[in-house]
Each structure stands twice: as structure tokens, then as C-alpha cells.
Protein backbone atom coordinates (compact mmCIF):
# COMPACT_ATOMS: atom_id res chain seq x y z
CA MET A 1 -1.65 -49.33 17.47
CA ASP A 2 0.62 -46.52 18.07
CA ASP A 3 2.97 -46.20 14.90
CA GLY A 4 4.85 -43.05 16.30
CA THR A 5 2.95 -40.61 14.07
CA PRO A 6 2.29 -37.71 16.18
CA PRO A 7 -1.04 -36.29 16.08
CA PRO A 8 -2.14 -33.39 14.10
CA SER A 9 -2.08 -30.11 15.64
CA PRO A 10 -5.13 -28.79 16.60
CA THR A 11 -6.99 -26.36 14.44
CA PRO A 12 -6.71 -22.67 16.05
CA PRO A 13 -9.80 -20.97 17.20
CA ARG A 14 -11.15 -18.59 14.87
CA SER A 15 -10.54 -14.98 15.94
CA LEU A 16 -12.89 -12.64 16.84
CA ASN A 17 -10.99 -9.67 16.03
CA PRO A 18 -12.02 -8.97 12.45
CA PHE A 19 -8.13 -7.20 11.81
CA ARG A 20 -6.72 -10.47 12.59
CA ARG A 21 -9.20 -12.13 10.54
CA LEU A 22 -8.43 -9.90 7.46
CA TYR A 23 -4.61 -10.60 8.04
CA ALA A 24 -5.11 -14.40 8.20
CA TRP A 25 -7.15 -14.05 4.95
CA ILE A 26 -4.31 -12.06 3.16
CA LEU A 27 -2.00 -14.67 4.34
CA THR A 28 -3.82 -17.19 2.22
CA TRP A 29 -2.74 -15.54 -1.22
CA ALA A 30 1.11 -16.14 0.12
CA HIS A 31 0.78 -19.66 -1.77
CA HIS A 32 -2.27 -18.88 -4.21
CA PRO A 33 -1.17 -19.36 -7.80
CA LEU A 34 -2.75 -15.93 -8.60
CA GLY A 35 -1.13 -14.03 -5.52
CA THR A 36 1.44 -12.41 -7.26
CA TRP A 37 -0.97 -11.22 -9.95
CA ALA A 38 -3.51 -10.18 -7.14
CA LEU A 39 -0.39 -7.98 -5.97
CA GLY A 40 0.30 -6.23 -9.22
CA VAL A 41 -3.60 -5.46 -9.76
CA PHE A 42 -4.21 -4.30 -6.15
CA ALA A 43 -1.23 -1.99 -6.19
CA PHE A 44 -2.09 -0.76 -10.00
CA ILE A 45 -5.85 0.07 -9.29
CA ASP A 46 -4.64 1.57 -5.56
CA SER A 47 -2.89 4.27 -7.58
CA SER A 48 -5.75 5.50 -9.28
CA ILE A 49 -9.34 4.21 -8.70
CA PHE A 50 -9.86 1.88 -5.88
CA PRO A 51 -8.02 2.07 -2.49
CA ILE A 52 -6.87 -1.24 -1.82
CA PRO A 53 -3.37 -0.66 -0.28
CA PRO A 54 -0.91 -3.25 -1.89
CA LEU A 55 1.45 -3.32 0.90
CA PHE A 56 -0.51 -5.15 3.52
CA LEU A 57 -0.26 -8.16 0.89
CA GLN A 58 3.15 -7.71 0.01
CA VAL A 59 4.05 -7.91 3.68
CA ALA A 60 2.14 -11.25 4.09
CA MET A 61 3.39 -12.78 0.97
CA SER A 62 7.04 -12.03 2.05
CA LEU A 63 6.43 -13.21 5.52
CA GLU A 64 5.09 -16.33 4.19
CA ARG A 65 7.93 -16.48 1.48
CA PRO A 66 10.87 -14.33 2.56
CA LYS A 67 13.02 -15.30 -0.28
CA ARG A 68 10.86 -13.75 -2.65
CA SER A 69 10.36 -10.72 -0.78
CA TRP A 70 12.60 -8.52 -3.11
CA TRP A 71 10.39 -9.83 -6.17
CA TYR A 72 7.11 -8.97 -4.48
CA ALA A 73 8.60 -5.81 -3.88
CA THR A 74 9.09 -5.19 -7.73
CA VAL A 75 5.73 -6.37 -8.61
CA ASP A 76 4.07 -3.79 -6.14
CA LEU A 77 6.57 -0.99 -7.41
CA VAL A 78 5.54 -1.68 -11.18
CA GLY A 79 2.04 -1.92 -10.76
CA SER A 80 1.97 1.18 -8.68
CA ILE A 81 3.79 3.63 -11.11
CA LEU A 82 1.74 1.99 -14.23
CA GLY A 83 -1.30 3.17 -11.94
CA ALA A 84 0.19 6.51 -11.68
CA ILE A 85 -0.08 6.86 -15.20
CA VAL A 86 -3.59 6.04 -15.43
CA GLY A 87 -4.30 8.27 -12.40
CA PHE A 88 -2.56 11.04 -14.23
CA LEU A 89 -4.44 10.79 -17.59
CA ILE A 90 -7.62 10.62 -15.16
CA GLY A 91 -6.98 14.05 -13.36
CA ALA A 92 -5.46 15.53 -16.91
CA LEU A 93 -8.60 14.31 -19.37
CA LEU A 94 -11.26 12.61 -17.46
CA TYR A 95 -11.59 14.39 -14.12
CA ASP A 96 -15.36 15.43 -14.52
CA SER A 97 -16.35 12.18 -15.62
CA VAL A 98 -14.06 10.01 -13.56
CA GLY A 99 -11.80 11.79 -11.38
CA ARG A 100 -14.16 13.85 -9.34
CA TRP A 101 -16.06 10.26 -8.47
CA VAL A 102 -12.72 8.76 -7.01
CA ILE A 103 -11.90 11.69 -4.95
CA GLU A 104 -15.60 12.41 -3.55
CA THR A 105 -16.76 8.53 -3.12
CA TRP A 106 -13.41 7.79 -1.11
CA GLY A 107 -13.61 11.14 0.90
CA TYR A 108 -10.30 12.48 -0.36
CA GLN A 109 -11.81 15.95 -1.50
CA LYS A 110 -9.87 18.02 1.66
CA GLN A 111 -6.74 16.50 0.54
CA PHE A 112 -7.19 16.83 -2.91
CA ASP A 113 -7.97 20.67 -2.69
CA LYS A 114 -4.84 21.20 -0.21
CA PHE A 115 -2.53 19.27 -2.81
CA GLY A 116 -3.16 21.95 -5.51
CA GLU A 117 -1.50 24.42 -3.28
CA PHE A 118 1.59 22.72 -3.31
CA ILE A 119 1.79 21.04 -6.55
CA ARG A 120 2.70 24.02 -8.24
CA ALA A 121 5.37 25.07 -5.88
CA HIS A 122 7.26 21.97 -5.13
CA GLY A 123 5.14 19.09 -6.50
CA PHE A 124 8.33 16.52 -6.84
CA TRP A 125 9.31 16.95 -3.07
CA PHE A 126 5.51 16.54 -2.32
CA THR A 127 5.21 13.74 -4.33
CA LEU A 128 8.45 12.01 -3.06
CA LEU A 129 7.68 12.26 0.65
CA TYR A 130 3.80 11.18 0.21
CA SER A 131 4.63 8.46 -2.14
CA PHE A 132 6.81 6.80 0.69
CA VAL A 133 4.44 7.66 4.16
CA PRO A 134 0.65 6.03 4.08
CA PHE A 135 -1.15 8.67 2.03
CA PRO A 136 -3.94 8.32 -0.51
CA TYR A 137 -1.62 7.80 -3.49
CA LYS A 138 -4.34 8.55 -6.08
CA VAL A 139 -4.48 11.95 -4.54
CA ILE A 140 -1.26 12.49 -5.91
CA THR A 141 -1.66 11.35 -9.33
CA ILE A 142 -4.75 12.47 -10.07
CA GLY A 143 -4.08 15.68 -8.46
CA THR A 144 -0.96 16.05 -10.59
CA GLY A 145 -2.83 15.57 -14.01
CA PHE A 146 -5.76 17.87 -12.80
CA PHE A 147 -3.15 20.63 -11.52
CA GLY A 148 -0.99 20.80 -14.54
CA GLY A 149 1.72 19.13 -13.14
CA SER A 150 4.60 17.00 -15.07
CA LEU A 151 3.96 13.29 -15.95
CA PRO A 152 7.98 12.75 -15.94
CA LEU A 153 8.55 14.18 -12.63
CA LEU A 154 5.54 12.58 -10.94
CA LEU A 155 6.85 9.08 -12.33
CA VAL A 156 10.40 10.00 -11.15
CA ALA A 157 9.36 11.25 -7.74
CA SER A 158 6.87 8.49 -7.29
CA SER A 159 9.40 5.64 -8.33
CA ILE A 160 11.85 6.76 -5.82
CA GLY A 161 9.52 6.97 -2.68
CA ARG A 162 7.50 4.05 -3.50
CA ALA A 163 10.99 2.04 -3.85
CA LEU A 164 11.81 3.26 -0.81
CA ARG A 165 8.62 2.04 1.00
CA PHE A 166 8.33 -1.33 -0.96
CA TYR A 167 11.80 -2.30 -0.91
CA GLY A 168 12.25 -1.35 2.60
CA LEU A 169 9.56 -3.73 3.50
CA ALA A 170 11.09 -6.25 1.68
CA ALA A 171 14.32 -5.80 3.46
CA VAL A 172 12.34 -6.28 6.99
CA CYS A 173 10.81 -9.29 5.82
CA PHE A 174 13.87 -11.05 4.01
CA TRP A 175 16.10 -10.53 6.87
CA GLY A 176 13.33 -10.84 9.44
CA GLY A 177 11.44 -13.84 7.98
CA SER A 178 9.79 -16.23 10.37
CA SER A 179 10.91 -14.25 13.28
CA ALA A 180 9.01 -10.97 11.95
CA LYS A 181 5.88 -13.22 11.17
CA ASP A 182 6.17 -14.52 14.99
CA PHE A 183 6.47 -11.73 16.29
CA ILE A 184 3.23 -10.29 14.31
CA ASP A 185 1.20 -13.31 15.65
CA ARG A 186 2.20 -12.82 19.10
CA ARG A 187 1.82 -9.23 19.28
CA PHE A 188 -0.90 -8.45 16.59
CA ASN A 189 -2.63 -5.63 18.64
CA TRP A 190 0.70 -3.96 19.33
CA VAL A 191 1.33 -3.92 15.62
CA LEU A 192 -2.14 -2.93 14.91
CA ALA A 193 -1.99 0.01 17.52
CA GLY A 194 1.42 1.15 15.96
CA VAL A 195 0.20 1.38 12.37
CA GLY A 196 -2.80 2.87 13.59
CA LEU A 197 -0.76 6.05 15.38
CA LEU A 198 1.45 6.38 12.16
CA VAL A 199 -1.39 6.87 10.22
CA ALA A 200 -2.91 9.36 12.69
CA GLY A 201 0.15 11.15 12.69
CA VAL A 202 -0.07 11.69 8.87
CA ILE A 203 -3.65 12.71 9.05
CA ALA A 204 -2.92 15.23 11.70
CA VAL A 205 -0.04 16.61 9.17
CA MET A 206 -2.30 16.79 6.40
CA ARG A 207 -5.09 18.70 8.52
CA PHE A 208 -2.74 21.09 10.31
CA GLY A 209 -0.26 21.92 7.60
CA ILE A 210 2.04 19.90 5.23
């Protein structure tokens, strides 16, 4: 007997695109009870030890729950800055035992060597700029400690750069909301290509001169 209840929506086929599957997995954290903690942890370790860019989780969670976008940005920022302190201490006190392993394991040696040329001359502006763009942030935090930079300047410049980055993303998610999520779902490959071009541009700048 038909009781008027609409039939359940068919389950969408599993995507063969590994990046889309990763995006779908990240979205599952939006309503996970430990999702906010995971965001803070990812931001913390991305600043010092392990490369897990927290902005992808921030955006995914914010698109699922736009009203909490500003809160997620704050969690991302606080975790990132606390991790920056750890990264600085690794560079200043534990480079031979920990810092070198981090830099060499994740393939950041070239960026790290080049960073030393800039930190003494204009470390504040370098940190401000490269805290905002896609750049291995741990290179900045560990390098500042290793090359004798200032921790207060690192924290001030990082706070400004990272805040512009995280709260800028929060603004897009807050005002874009479901329409932004729908755009990503429908134009996922284009969005992925755009991110790839941005990262490639940053890599080119790093290679041919900052």
C-alpha cells in the first residue's frame, strides 16, 4: 500500500577519483563528535612535524555547517600558532635530533636552505606572506628557530597571515554555504585544477626566487 512516503534516494556510486573520495571522507568529520578536536590537532602538527594541511578539513566542516565557520577558523588558527611555538623550539633546540628529520623526511631541504637567506633580512614580511599562501609552514617555524629568528615576530606575523587565510576561507563558507558546497560537488575537477595551479605557482616562485 502506498502511504505517501517518498522512496529513499539511491546511494550515489562510489567515485573512482581518489581526490573526490578523500574529499568525501573529510566531509564525514563535519558531524563527527571529535571533528573539532581533529581540526585543532591537524593544525598543530602541520605547523611543526607532520604535513596534514588543516584548511581542507576546515573548509569541509564549514561547508557542512556554515554557521560554525568562524569557530572552525579560530580552532585552526589557535592550533596553528601553538604548533608554531613547538616548531620554533625544534629549530632552536632540537634541530639535529628532530628538526633535520622533519625537513629531510618531507623533502623540504631546498626550501629550508633558501629560507635562511631571507630570515635575517626580512623574516617578518617573509613569514607574513608565506603564512598566507600554500607553503610548508613548518619550514618557517623550524627555520626561524634554527636561523636565530625572533619568536615574538614569528607569532605576530604568523597570526596575521594565518588569520587572513583561515578567516578568509570562513567568510567564503559562511556566506557561500550550501551554494559553495554545491559548486564544489558539481565542478570538483575544476576546483582541484585551480588548487593545483595555485600550488604550482607558489612552487615556481620558491624555485626561481622569492
